[in-house]
C-alpha atoms as a PDB file:
ATOM      1  CA  UNK A   1       0.602  48.832 -27.276  1.00  0.00           C
ATOM      2  CA  UNK A   2      -2.799  47.224 -27.657  1.00  0.00           C
ATOM      3  CA  UNK A   3      -2.527  43.564 -26.738  1.00  0.00           C
ATOM      4  CA  UNK A   4      -4.252  40.825 -28.705  1.00  0.00           C
ATOM      5  CA  UNK A   5      -6.397  39.858 -25.727  1.00  0.00           C
ATOM      6  CA  UNK A   6      -7.972  43.332 -25.918  1.00  0.00           C
ATOM      7  CA  UNK A   7      -8.797  43.239 -29.637  1.00  0.00           C
ATOM      8  CA  UNK A   8     -12.491  43.319 -30.530  1.00  0.00           C
ATOM      9  CA  UNK A   9     -14.486  43.274 -33.759  1.00  0.00           C
ATOM     10  CA  UNK A  10     -14.565  46.699 -35.373  1.00  0.00           C
ATOM     11  CA  UNK A  11     -11.341  47.994 -33.813  1.00  0.00           C
ATOM     12  CA  UNK A  12      -8.482  49.319 -35.905  1.00  0.00           C
ATOM     13  CA  UNK A  13      -5.013  47.848 -35.481  1.00  0.00           C
ATOM     14  CA  UNK A  14      -1.946  50.074 -35.597  1.00  0.00           C
ATOM     15  CA  UNK A  15       0.861  48.316 -33.764  1.00  0.00           C
ATOM     16  CA  UNK A  16       3.750  45.843 -33.830  1.00  0.00           C
ATOM     17  CA  UNK A  17       3.225  42.088 -33.467  1.00  0.00           C
ATOM     18  CA  UNK A  18       5.322  38.954 -33.777  1.00  0.00           C
ATOM     19  CA  UNK A  19       4.603  36.964 -36.944  1.00  0.00           C
ATOM     20  CA  UNK A  20       4.489  33.428 -35.578  1.00  0.00           C
ATOM     21  CA  UNK A  21       3.590  31.850 -38.922  1.00  0.00           C
ATOM     22  CA  UNK A  22       3.107  32.801 -42.561  1.00  0.00           C
ATOM     23  CA  UNK A  23       1.518  30.601 -45.193  1.00  0.00           C
ATOM     24  CA  UNK A  24       0.361  31.306 -48.731  1.00  0.00           C
ATOM     25  CA  UNK A  25      -3.080  30.453 -50.040  1.00  0.00           C
ATOM     26  CA  UNK A  26      -5.124  30.981 -53.175  1.00  0.00           C
ATOM     27  CA  UNK A  27      -8.642  32.380 -53.376  1.00  0.00           C
ATOM     28  CA  UNK A  28     -11.399  30.800 -55.496  1.00  0.00           C
ATOM     29  CA  UNK A  29     -10.514  33.306 -58.229  1.00  0.00           C
ATOM     30  CA  UNK A  30      -6.851  32.242 -58.210  1.00  0.00           C
ATOM     31  CA  UNK A  31      -5.520  35.277 -56.335  1.00  0.00           C
ATOM     32  CA  UNK A  32      -2.680  34.714 -53.853  1.00  0.00           C
ATOM     33  CA  UNK A  33      -3.068  35.752 -50.209  1.00  0.00           C
ATOM     34  CA  UNK A  34      -1.071  35.412 -46.987  1.00  0.00           C
ATOM     35  CA  UNK A  35      -2.451  33.728 -43.893  1.00  0.00           C
ATOM     36  CA  UNK A  36      -0.632  34.914 -40.757  1.00  0.00           C
ATOM     37  CA  UNK A  37      -0.671  34.097 -37.082  1.00  0.00           C
ATOM     38  CA  UNK A  38       0.229  37.175 -35.052  1.00  0.00           C
ATOM     39  CA  UNK A  39       1.374  36.841 -31.460  1.00  0.00           C
ATOM     40  CA  UNK A  40       2.065  38.836 -28.339  1.00  0.00           C
ATOM     41  CA  UNK A  41       2.407  37.739 -24.727  1.00  0.00           C
ATOM     42  CA  UNK A  42      -1.390  37.587 -24.296  1.00  0.00           C
ATOM     43  CA  UNK A  43      -2.119  35.215 -27.163  1.00  0.00           C
ATOM     44  CA  UNK A  44      -2.424  34.861 -30.928  1.00  0.00           C
ATOM     45  CA  UNK A  45      -4.795  36.004 -33.659  1.00  0.00           C
ATOM     46  CA  UNK A  46      -5.158  35.044 -37.310  1.00  0.00           C
ATOM     47  CA  UNK A  47      -4.576  37.724 -39.944  1.00  0.00           C
ATOM     48  CA  UNK A  48      -5.091  37.889 -43.702  1.00  0.00           C
ATOM     49  CA  UNK A  49      -3.162  39.844 -46.325  1.00  0.00           C
ATOM     50  CA  UNK A  50      -5.513  39.749 -49.283  1.00  0.00           C
ATOM     51  CA  UNK A  51      -3.525  42.002 -51.613  1.00  0.00           C
ATOM     52  CA  UNK A  52       0.011  40.619 -51.526  1.00  0.00           C
ATOM     53  CA  UNK A  53       1.162  42.763 -54.465  1.00  0.00           C
ATOM     54  CA  UNK A  54       0.192  46.050 -52.814  1.00  0.00           C
ATOM     55  CA  UNK A  55       2.954  48.599 -52.284  1.00  0.00           C
ATOM     56  CA  UNK A  56       1.671  48.853 -48.707  1.00  0.00           C
ATOM     57  CA  UNK A  57       2.876  45.290 -48.033  1.00  0.00           C
ATOM     58  CA  UNK A  58       6.662  45.165 -47.657  1.00  0.00           C
ATOM     59  CA  UNK A  59       8.760  41.998 -47.694  1.00  0.00           C
ATOM     60  CA  UNK A  60       8.715  40.018 -44.462  1.00  0.00           C
ATOM     61  CA  UNK A  61       9.149  36.462 -43.239  1.00  0.00           C
ATOM     62  CA  UNK A  62       7.836  34.172 -40.544  1.00  0.00           C
ATOM     63  CA  UNK A  63       9.413  34.943 -37.155  1.00  0.00           C
ATOM     64  CA  UNK A  64       9.750  38.646 -37.999  1.00  0.00           C
ATOM     65  CA  UNK A  65       8.410  41.417 -35.804  1.00  0.00           C
ATOM     66  CA  UNK A  66       6.051  43.343 -38.060  1.00  0.00           C
ATOM     67  CA  UNK A  67       4.232  46.645 -37.964  1.00  0.00           C
ATOM     68  CA  UNK A  68       0.580  46.053 -38.835  1.00  0.00           C
ATOM     69  CA  UNK A  69      -2.170  48.472 -39.793  1.00  0.00           C
ATOM     70  CA  UNK A  70      -5.519  46.878 -40.340  1.00  0.00           C
ATOM     71  CA  UNK A  71      -9.040  46.111 -39.154  1.00  0.00           C
ATOM     72  CA  UNK A  72     -10.378  43.500 -36.733  1.00  0.00           C
ATOM     73  CA  UNK A  73     -13.315  41.516 -38.069  1.00  0.00           C
ATOM     74  CA  UNK A  74     -15.016  38.234 -37.306  1.00  0.00           C
ATOM     75  CA  UNK A  75     -15.017  35.094 -39.433  1.00  0.00           C
ATOM     76  CA  UNK A  76     -16.906  31.998 -38.323  1.00  0.00           C
ATOM     77  CA  UNK A  77     -17.141  33.453 -34.816  1.00  0.00           C
ATOM     78  CA  UNK A  78     -13.369  33.940 -34.558  1.00  0.00           C
ATOM     79  CA  UNK A  79     -11.583  37.278 -34.626  1.00  0.00           C
ATOM     80  CA  UNK A  80      -9.061  37.971 -37.372  1.00  0.00           C
ATOM     81  CA  UNK A  81      -7.187  40.973 -38.701  1.00  0.00           C
ATOM     82  CA  UNK A  82      -7.566  42.243 -42.250  1.00  0.00           C
ATOM     83  CA  UNK A  83      -4.099  43.641 -42.963  1.00  0.00           C
ATOM     84  CA  UNK A  84      -3.965  46.858 -44.975  1.00  0.00           C
ATOM     85  CA  UNK A  85      -0.351  47.793 -44.381  1.00  0.00           C
ATOM     86  CA  UNK A  86       2.637  45.755 -43.220  1.00  0.00           C
ATOM     87  CA  UNK A  87       6.401  46.208 -42.843  1.00  0.00           C
ATOM     88  CA  UNK A  88       9.185  44.735 -40.760  1.00  0.00           C
ATOM     89  CA  UNK A  89       9.651  46.493 -37.445  1.00  0.00           C
ATOM     90  CA  UNK A  90      13.030  47.943 -36.590  1.00  0.00           C
ATOM     91  CA  UNK A  91      15.014  46.703 -33.610  1.00  0.00           C
ATOM     92  CA  UNK A  92      14.509  49.131 -30.782  1.00  0.00           C
ATOM     93  CA  UNK A  93      10.855  49.670 -31.699  1.00  0.00           C
ATOM     94  CA  UNK A  94       9.699  46.760 -29.530  1.00  0.00           C
ATOM     95  CA  UNK A  95      10.522  44.768 -26.402  1.00  0.00           C
ATOM     96  CA  UNK A  96      10.750  41.031 -27.079  1.00  0.00           C
ATOM     97  CA  UNK A  97       9.192  40.192 -23.691  1.00  0.00           C
ATOM     98  CA  UNK A  98       5.954  41.894 -24.810  1.00  0.00           C
ATOM     99  CA  UNK A  99       5.523  39.286 -27.538  1.00  0.00           C
ATOM    100  CA  UNK A 100       6.409  35.979 -25.945  1.00  0.00           C
ATOM    101  CA  UNK A 101       3.662  34.181 -23.984  1.00  0.00           C
ATOM    102  CA  UNK A 102       4.655  34.130 -20.324  1.00  0.00           C
ATOM    103  CA  UNK A 103       3.511  32.253 -17.261  1.00  0.00           C
ATOM    104  CA  UNK A 104       1.255  34.401 -15.109  1.00  0.00           C
ATOM    105  CA  UNK A 105       3.105  33.118 -12.056  1.00  0.00           C
ATOM    106  CA  UNK A 106       6.495  34.517 -10.926  1.00  0.00           C
ATOM    107  CA  UNK A 107       9.319  32.294 -12.180  1.00  0.00           C
ATOM    108  CA  UNK A 108      11.526  32.756  -9.116  1.00  0.00           C
ATOM    109  CA  UNK A 109       8.660  31.985  -6.755  1.00  0.00           C
ATOM    110  CA  UNK A 110       7.814  28.761  -8.610  1.00  0.00           C
ATOM    111  CA  UNK A 111      11.486  27.801  -8.664  1.00  0.00           C
ATOM    112  CA  UNK A 112      11.705  28.245  -4.903  1.00  0.00           C
ATOM    113  CA  UNK A 113       8.628  26.050  -4.456  1.00  0.00           C
ATOM    114  CA  UNK A 114      10.171  23.327  -6.647  1.00  0.00           C
ATOM    115  CA  UNK A 115      13.405  23.379  -4.640  1.00  0.00           C
ATOM    116  CA  UNK A 116      11.342  23.047  -1.457  1.00  0.00           C
ATOM    117  CA  UNK A 117       9.882  19.791  -2.800  1.00  0.00           C
ATOM    118  CA  UNK A 118      13.396  18.555  -3.525  1.00  0.00           C
ATOM    119  CA  UNK A 119      14.247  19.187   0.128  1.00  0.00           C
ATOM    120  CA  UNK A 120      11.275  16.964   1.092  1.00  0.00           C
ATOM    121  CA  UNK A 121      12.842  13.972  -0.708  1.00  0.00           C
ATOM    122  CA  UNK A 122      14.466  11.972   2.098  1.00  0.00           C
ATOM    123  CA  UNK A 123      16.021   9.183   0.039  1.00  0.00           C
ATOM    124  CA  UNK A 124      19.660  10.226  -0.258  1.00  0.00           C
ATOM    125  CA  UNK A 125      20.135   8.859  -3.775  1.00  0.00           C
ATOM    126  CA  UNK A 126      17.045  10.512  -5.241  1.00  0.00           C
ATOM    127  CA  UNK A 127      17.855  13.724  -3.388  1.00  0.00           C
ATOM    128  CA  UNK A 128      21.397  13.717  -4.807  1.00  0.00           C
ATOM    129  CA  UNK A 129      20.043  13.104  -8.290  1.00  0.00           C
ATOM    130  CA  UNK A 130      17.591  15.998  -8.103  1.00  0.00           C
ATOM    131  CA  UNK A 131      20.316  18.315  -6.831  1.00  0.00           C
ATOM    132  CA  UNK A 132      22.568  17.241  -9.727  1.00  0.00           C
ATOM    133  CA  UNK A 133      19.895  18.581 -12.070  1.00  0.00           C
ATOM    134  CA  UNK A 134      18.430  21.578 -10.273  1.00  0.00           C
ATOM    135  CA  UNK A 135      21.191  22.937  -8.030  1.00  0.00           C
ATOM    136  CA  UNK A 136      24.430  22.020  -9.818  1.00  0.00           C
ATOM    137  CA  UNK A 137      23.684  22.091 -13.563  1.00  0.00           C
ATOM    138  CA  UNK A 138      23.453  25.744 -14.606  1.00  0.00           C
ATOM    139  CA  UNK A 139      22.405  24.889 -18.170  1.00  0.00           C
ATOM    140  CA  UNK A 140      19.525  22.726 -16.984  1.00  0.00           C
ATOM    141  CA  UNK A 141      18.456  25.378 -14.475  1.00  0.00           C
ATOM    142  CA  UNK A 142      18.445  28.130 -17.116  1.00  0.00           C
ATOM    143  CA  UNK A 143      16.595  26.074 -19.729  1.00  0.00           C
ATOM    144  CA  UNK A 144      14.084  24.632 -17.273  1.00  0.00           C
ATOM    145  CA  UNK A 145      13.012  28.073 -16.073  1.00  0.00           C
ATOM    146  CA  UNK A 146      12.286  29.435 -19.559  1.00  0.00           C
ATOM    147  CA  UNK A 147      11.091  26.372 -21.496  1.00  0.00           C
ATOM    148  CA  UNK A 148       7.503  25.636 -22.400  1.00  0.00           C
ATOM    149  CA  UNK A 149       5.782  22.338 -21.690  1.00  0.00           C
ATOM    150  CA  UNK A 150       4.320  22.027 -25.192  1.00  0.00           C
ATOM    151  CA  UNK A 151       3.992  23.666 -28.600  1.00  0.00           C
ATOM    152  CA  UNK A 152       0.298  24.235 -27.904  1.00  0.00           C
ATOM    153  CA  UNK A 153      -2.665  22.830 -25.945  1.00  0.00           C
ATOM    154  CA  UNK A 154      -1.300  23.492 -22.433  1.00  0.00           C
ATOM    155  CA  UNK A 155       1.545  25.435 -20.795  1.00  0.00           C
ATOM    156  CA  UNK A 156       2.917  26.602 -24.158  1.00  0.00           C
ATOM    157  CA  UNK A 157       4.613  29.671 -22.737  1.00  0.00           C
ATOM    158  CA  UNK A 158       7.845  30.812 -21.143  1.00  0.00           C
ATOM    159  CA  UNK A 159       7.936  29.175 -17.724  1.00  0.00           C
ATOM    160  CA  UNK A 160       5.352  26.607 -18.799  1.00  0.00           C
ATOM    161  CA  UNK A 161       7.574  23.610 -18.128  1.00  0.00           C
ATOM    162  CA  UNK A 162       8.329  24.833 -14.621  1.00  0.00           C
ATOM    163  CA  UNK A 163       4.671  25.641 -13.923  1.00  0.00           C
ATOM    164  CA  UNK A 164       3.495  22.240 -15.201  1.00  0.00           C
ATOM    165  CA  UNK A 165       6.215  20.337 -13.343  1.00  0.00           C
ATOM    166  CA  UNK A 166       5.363  22.120 -10.107  1.00  0.00           C
ATOM    167  CA  UNK A 167       1.668  21.353 -10.620  1.00  0.00           C
ATOM    168  CA  UNK A 168       2.352  17.659 -11.220  1.00  0.00           C
ATOM    169  CA  UNK A 169       4.677  17.528  -8.203  1.00  0.00           C
ATOM    170  CA  UNK A 170       2.052  19.094  -5.931  1.00  0.00           C
ATOM    171  CA  UNK A 171      -0.573  16.569  -7.021  1.00  0.00           C
ATOM    172  CA  UNK A 172       1.900  13.695  -6.648  1.00  0.00           C
ATOM    173  CA  UNK A 173       2.857  14.807  -3.151  1.00  0.00           C
ATOM    174  CA  UNK A 174      -0.807  15.054  -2.111  1.00  0.00           C
ATOM    175  CA  UNK A 175      -1.496  11.576  -3.499  1.00  0.00           C
ATOM    176  CA  UNK A 176       1.379  10.201  -1.421  1.00  0.00           C
ATOM    177  CA  UNK A 177      -0.226  11.647   1.707  1.00  0.00           C
ATOM    178  CA  UNK A 178      -3.611  10.118   0.914  1.00  0.00           C
ATOM    179  CA  UNK A 179      -2.341   6.700  -0.195  1.00  0.00           C
ATOM    180  CA  UNK A 180       0.242   5.438   2.279  1.00  0.00           C
ATOM    181  CA  UNK A 181       1.425   2.568   0.066  1.00  0.00           C
ATOM    182  CA  UNK A 182       2.917   4.993  -2.441  1.00  0.00           C
ATOM    183  CA  UNK A 183       6.677   5.446  -2.203  1.00  0.00           C
ATOM    184  CA  UNK A 184       6.683   9.213  -1.749  1.00  0.00           C
ATOM    185  CA  UNK A 185      10.330   9.772  -2.625  1.00  0.00           C
ATOM    186  CA  UNK A 186      10.095   7.768  -5.839  1.00  0.00           C
ATOM    187  CA  UNK A 187       6.834   9.463  -6.844  1.00  0.00           C
ATOM    188  CA  UNK A 188       7.976  13.024  -6.101  1.00  0.00           C
ATOM    189  CA  UNK A 189      11.351  12.480  -7.801  1.00  0.00           C
ATOM    190  CA  UNK A 190       9.685  11.092 -10.917  1.00  0.00           C
ATOM    191  CA  UNK A 191       7.187  13.965 -10.906  1.00  0.00           C
ATOM    192  CA  UNK A 192       9.970  16.559 -10.813  1.00  0.00           C
ATOM    193  CA  UNK A 193      11.915  14.779 -13.563  1.00  0.00           C
ATOM    194  CA  UNK A 194       9.074  13.449 -15.724  1.00  0.00           C
ATOM    195  CA  UNK A 195       9.375  16.149 -18.420  1.00  0.00           C
ATOM    196  CA  UNK A 196      13.013  17.197 -18.019  1.00  0.00           C
ATOM    197  CA  UNK A 197      13.701  16.013 -21.575  1.00  0.00           C
ATOM    198  CA  UNK A 198      11.544  18.841 -22.886  1.00  0.00           C
ATOM    199  CA  UNK A 199      14.397  21.298 -22.408  1.00  0.00           C
ATOM    200  CA  UNK A 200      15.948  19.537 -25.417  1.00  0.00           C
ATOM    201  CA  UNK A 201      12.761  18.493 -27.210  1.00  0.00           C
ATOM    202  CA  UNK A 202      11.681  22.087 -27.901  1.00  0.00           C
ATOM    203  CA  UNK A 203      13.643  25.037 -29.208  1.00  0.00           C
ATOM    204  CA  UNK A 204      13.620  28.235 -27.195  1.00  0.00           C
ATOM    205  CA  UNK A 205      11.187  31.058 -27.838  1.00  0.00           C
ATOM    206  CA  UNK A 206      10.234  32.617 -30.171  1.00  0.00           C
ATOM    207  CA  UNK A 207      10.342  29.404 -32.219  1.00  0.00           C
ATOM    208  CA  UNK A 208       9.151  26.982 -29.494  1.00  0.00           C
ATOM    209  CA  UNK A 209       9.164  24.168 -32.052  1.00  0.00           C
ATOM    210  CA  UNK A 210      10.485  20.622 -32.130  1.00  0.00           C
ATOM    211  CA  UNK A 211      14.253  20.336 -32.349  1.00  0.00           C
ATOM    212  CA  UNK A 212      15.742  17.604 -34.534  1.00  0.00           C
ATOM    213  CA  UNK A 213      16.368  15.631 -31.342  1.00  0.00           C
ATOM    214  CA  UNK A 214      12.778  16.211 -30.268  1.00  0.00           C
ATOM    215  CA  UNK A 215      11.402  14.970 -33.579  1.00  0.00           C
ATOM    216  CA  UNK A 216      13.712  11.970 -33.783  1.00  0.00           C
ATOM    217  CA  UNK A 217      13.731  10.822 -30.157  1.00  0.00           C
ATOM    218  CA  UNK A 218      11.180  12.719 -28.034  1.00  0.00           C
ATOM    219  CA  UNK A 219      11.267  14.019 -24.486  1.00  0.00           C
ATOM    220  CA  UNK A 220      10.516  10.723 -22.735  1.00  0.00           C
ATOM    221  CA  UNK A 221      13.605   8.965 -24.071  1.00  0.00           C
ATOM    222  CA  UNK A 222      15.684  12.154 -23.856  1.00  0.00           C
ATOM    223  CA  UNK A 223      14.763  12.456 -20.165  1.00  0.00           C
ATOM    224  CA  UNK A 224      15.463   8.759 -19.593  1.00  0.00           C
ATOM    225  CA  UNK A 225      18.962   9.225 -21.015  1.00  0.00           C
ATOM    226  CA  UNK A 226      19.596  12.449 -19.067  1.00  0.00           C
ATOM    227  CA  UNK A 227      18.691  10.693 -15.821  1.00  0.00           C
ATOM    228  CA  UNK A 228      21.004   7.803 -16.653  1.00  0.00           C
ATOM    229  CA  UNK A 229      23.871  10.180 -17.356  1.00  0.00           C
ATOM    230  CA  UNK A 230      23.434  11.972 -14.020  1.00  0.00           C
ATOM    231  CA  UNK A 231      23.200   8.714 -12.096  1.00  0.00           C
ATOM    232  CA  UNK A 232      26.622   7.715 -13.442  1.00  0.00           C
ATOM    233  CA  UNK A 233      28.081  10.572 -11.375  1.00  0.00           C
ATOM    234  CA  UNK A 234      26.494   9.363  -8.126  1.00  0.00           C
ATOM    235  CA  UNK A 235      28.523   6.610  -6.423  1.00  0.00           C
ATOM    236  CA  UNK A 236      26.707   3.389  -5.516  1.00  0.00           C
ATOM    237  CA  UNK A 237      23.301   4.476  -6.836  1.00  0.00           C
ATOM    238  CA  UNK A 238      21.185   1.309  -6.371  1.00  0.00           C
ATOM    239  CA  UNK A 239      20.228  -0.375  -9.634  1.00  0.00           C
ATOM    240  CA  UNK A 240      16.655  -1.086  -8.518  1.00  0.00           C
ATOM    241  CA  UNK A 241      16.070   2.547  -7.568  1.00  0.00           C
ATOM    242  CA  UNK A 242      17.398   3.606 -10.952  1.00  0.00           C
ATOM    243  CA  UNK A 243      15.222   1.122 -12.832  1.00  0.00           C
ATOM    244  CA  UNK A 244      12.055   2.014 -10.929  1.00  0.00           C
ATOM    245  CA  UNK A 245      12.592   5.739 -11.496  1.00  0.00           C
ATOM    246  CA  UNK A 246      13.305   5.192 -15.173  1.00  0.00           C
ATOM    247  CA  UNK A 247      10.163   3.059 -15.452  1.00  0.00           C
ATOM    248  CA  UNK A 248       8.061   5.918 -14.082  1.00  0.00           C
ATOM    249  CA  UNK A 249       9.568   8.273 -16.656  1.00  0.00           C
ATOM    250  CA  UNK A 250       9.021   5.821 -19.518  1.00  0.00           C
ATOM    251  CA  UNK A 251       5.417   5.104 -18.463  1.00  0.00           C
ATOM    252  CA  UNK A 252       4.191   8.574 -17.514  1.00  0.00           C
ATOM    253  CA  UNK A 253       1.982   9.010 -20.610  1.00  0.00           C
ATOM    254  CA  UNK A 254       0.093   5.911 -19.536  1.00  0.00           C
ATOM    255  CA  UNK A 255      -0.461   4.156 -22.861  1.00  0.00           C
ATOM    256  CA  UNK A 256       1.661   3.056 -25.788  1.00  0.00           C
ATOM    257  CA  UNK A 257      -0.565   4.998 -28.191  1.00  0.00           C
ATOM    258  CA  UNK A 258       0.076   8.162 -26.158  1.00  0.00           C
ATOM    259  CA  UNK A 259       3.832   7.837 -26.657  1.00  0.00           C
ATOM    260  CA  UNK A 260       4.900   5.863 -23.599  1.00  0.00           C
ATOM    261  CA  UNK A 261       7.406   3.095 -24.387  1.00  0.00           C
ATOM    262  CA  UNK A 262       6.044   1.254 -21.329  1.00  0.00           C
ATOM    263  CA  UNK A 263       2.653   1.127 -19.622  1.00  0.00           C
ATOM    264  CA  UNK A 264       2.630   1.725 -15.838  1.00  0.00           C
ATOM    265  CA  UNK A 265       3.743  -1.377 -13.971  1.00  0.00           C
ATOM    266  CA  UNK A 266       4.372   0.264 -10.599  1.00  0.00           C
ATOM    267  CA  UNK A 267       1.779   1.951  -8.414  1.00  0.00           C
ATOM    268  CA  UNK A 268       3.921   5.120  -8.419  1.00  0.00           C
ATOM    269  CA  UNK A 269       3.929   5.100 -12.225  1.00  0.00           C
ATOM    270  CA  UNK A 270       0.123   4.921 -12.204  1.00  0.00           C
ATOM    271  CA  UNK A 271      -0.036   7.850  -9.764  1.00  0.00           C
ATOM    272  CA  UNK A 272       2.430   9.871 -11.854  1.00  0.00           C
ATOM    273  CA  UNK A 273       0.421   9.268 -15.022  1.00  0.00           C
ATOM    274  CA  UNK A 274      -2.750  10.600 -13.411  1.00  0.00           C
ATOM    275  CA  UNK A 275      -0.967  13.530 -11.754  1.00  0.00           C
ATOM    276  CA  UNK A 276       0.502  14.518 -15.127  1.00  0.00           C
ATOM    277  CA  UNK A 277      -2.828  14.071 -16.884  1.00  0.00           C
ATOM    278  CA  UNK A 278      -4.891  16.087 -14.422  1.00  0.00           C
ATOM    279  CA  UNK A 279      -2.506  19.054 -14.434  1.00  0.00           C
ATOM    280  CA  UNK A 280      -2.352  19.085 -18.245  1.00  0.00           C
ATOM    281  CA  UNK A 281      -6.130  18.731 -18.700  1.00  0.00           C
ATOM    282  CA  UNK A 282      -7.049  21.395 -16.154  1.00  0.00           C
ATOM    283  CA  UNK A 283      -4.653  23.861 -17.773  1.00  0.00           C
ATOM    284  CA  UNK A 284      -6.056  22.963 -21.206  1.00  0.00           C
ATOM    285  CA  UNK A 285      -9.512  23.728 -19.818  1.00  0.00           C
ATOM    286  CA  UNK A 286      -8.390  27.053 -18.329  1.00  0.00           C
ATOM    287  CA  UNK A 287      -6.729  28.223 -21.524  1.00  0.00           C
ATOM    288  CA  UNK A 288      -9.682  27.225 -23.708  1.00  0.00           C
ATOM    289  CA  UNK A 289     -12.165  29.137 -21.553  1.00  0.00           C
ATOM    290  CA  UNK A 290      -9.968  32.107 -20.635  1.00  0.00           C
ATOM    291  CA  UNK A 291     -11.455  34.493 -23.179  1.00  0.00           C
ATOM    292  CA  UNK A 292     -15.070  33.318 -23.261  1.00  0.00           C
ATOM    293  CA  UNK A 293     -17.714  32.648 -20.630  1.00  0.00           C
ATOM    294  CA  UNK A 294     -19.941  30.862 -23.148  1.00  0.00           C
ATOM    295  CA  UNK A 295     -19.693  27.256 -24.241  1.00  0.00           C
ATOM    296  CA  UNK A 296     -16.653  26.563 -26.420  1.00  0.00           C
ATOM    297  CA  UNK A 297     -15.568  23.352 -28.120  1.00  0.00           C
ATOM    298  CA  UNK A 298     -12.150  22.091 -27.078  1.00  0.00           C
ATOM    299  CA  UNK A 299     -10.556  19.873 -29.693  1.00  0.00           C
ATOM    300  CA  UNK A 300      -7.913  18.479 -27.293  1.00  0.00           C
ATOM    301  CA  UNK A 301     -10.598  17.636 -24.701  1.00  0.00           C
ATOM    302  CA  UNK A 302     -13.056  16.504 -27.400  1.00  0.00           C
ATOM    303  CA  UNK A 303     -16.040  18.215 -25.798  1.00  0.00           C
ATOM    304  CA  UNK A 304     -17.862  21.490 -25.277  1.00  0.00           C
ATOM    305  CA  UNK A 305     -16.813  23.281 -22.096  1.00  0.00           C
ATOM    306  CA  UNK A 306     -17.386  26.534 -20.230  1.00  0.00           C
ATOM    307  CA  UNK A 307     -16.415  28.313 -17.055  1.00  0.00           C
ATOM    308  CA  UNK A 308     -18.367  27.515 -13.916  1.00  0.00           C
ATOM    309  CA  UNK A 309     -21.030  30.130 -13.105  1.00  0.00           C
ATOM    310  CA  UNK A 310     -20.726  31.197  -9.479  1.00  0.00           C
ATOM    311  CA  UNK A 311     -23.339  33.979  -9.245  1.00  0.00           C
END
């Protein structure tokens, strides 16, 4: 198949893609059209069905795998597909893994690295807690490996939550080596657990959308509650350790307006907030500049950015 990342203006499209979204619009002359977002594991591209009544356009819905024949053109400097023919693809004509965005890093290798950081946690209570999540709870393990870290912006792919968590943990661990007054075990434990609630905030792929629980409560509070539930199964877990860990989780977005119920009141919470922020922002930068070496405007970063020129 020809992947979306390889599409260029002027090429013809004759392949199967995942229809991530489908909306209906109306032209200035009152004619109905479909606006689609097509997806494969390399990315997404907008597509237009201008003649919705054509016999060449069969019935289909959002979240269907669809066979597309069309042309790649450019509109306002962005590529899009003009769809000439469309029908639902038959099961067996495609492999689902070809259409879901995936981490470029091996899942099992990242998982091994995360477990190695758990082994570095010397505090017996925090170590027990981490093992409750990542060695003993098969559902958490399965979901954590395949969940994304967001709907968009950064790490919005299978394995994204694991990749982001590992990145934050690495930064947190390095900070604890540079700044000796940081409680390393508290910081590393909170880094590993800071986004655990996202396994329930987002639905699994291909939807990767907010669950009802995610919309109503959000991953910070979900994670806070998950941690509390696990701690109940650990005898004599000190109340202060529990409260300080929970504070780091509640404060890891840094500001109330960014969704944190608390602002950082511990030095480890400050360090976690910055570790989380730097990993998210650098990945946002990478994804925004992945396909273009020229200047591009990043809405999440609110600035024009480009790759560094090394030659």
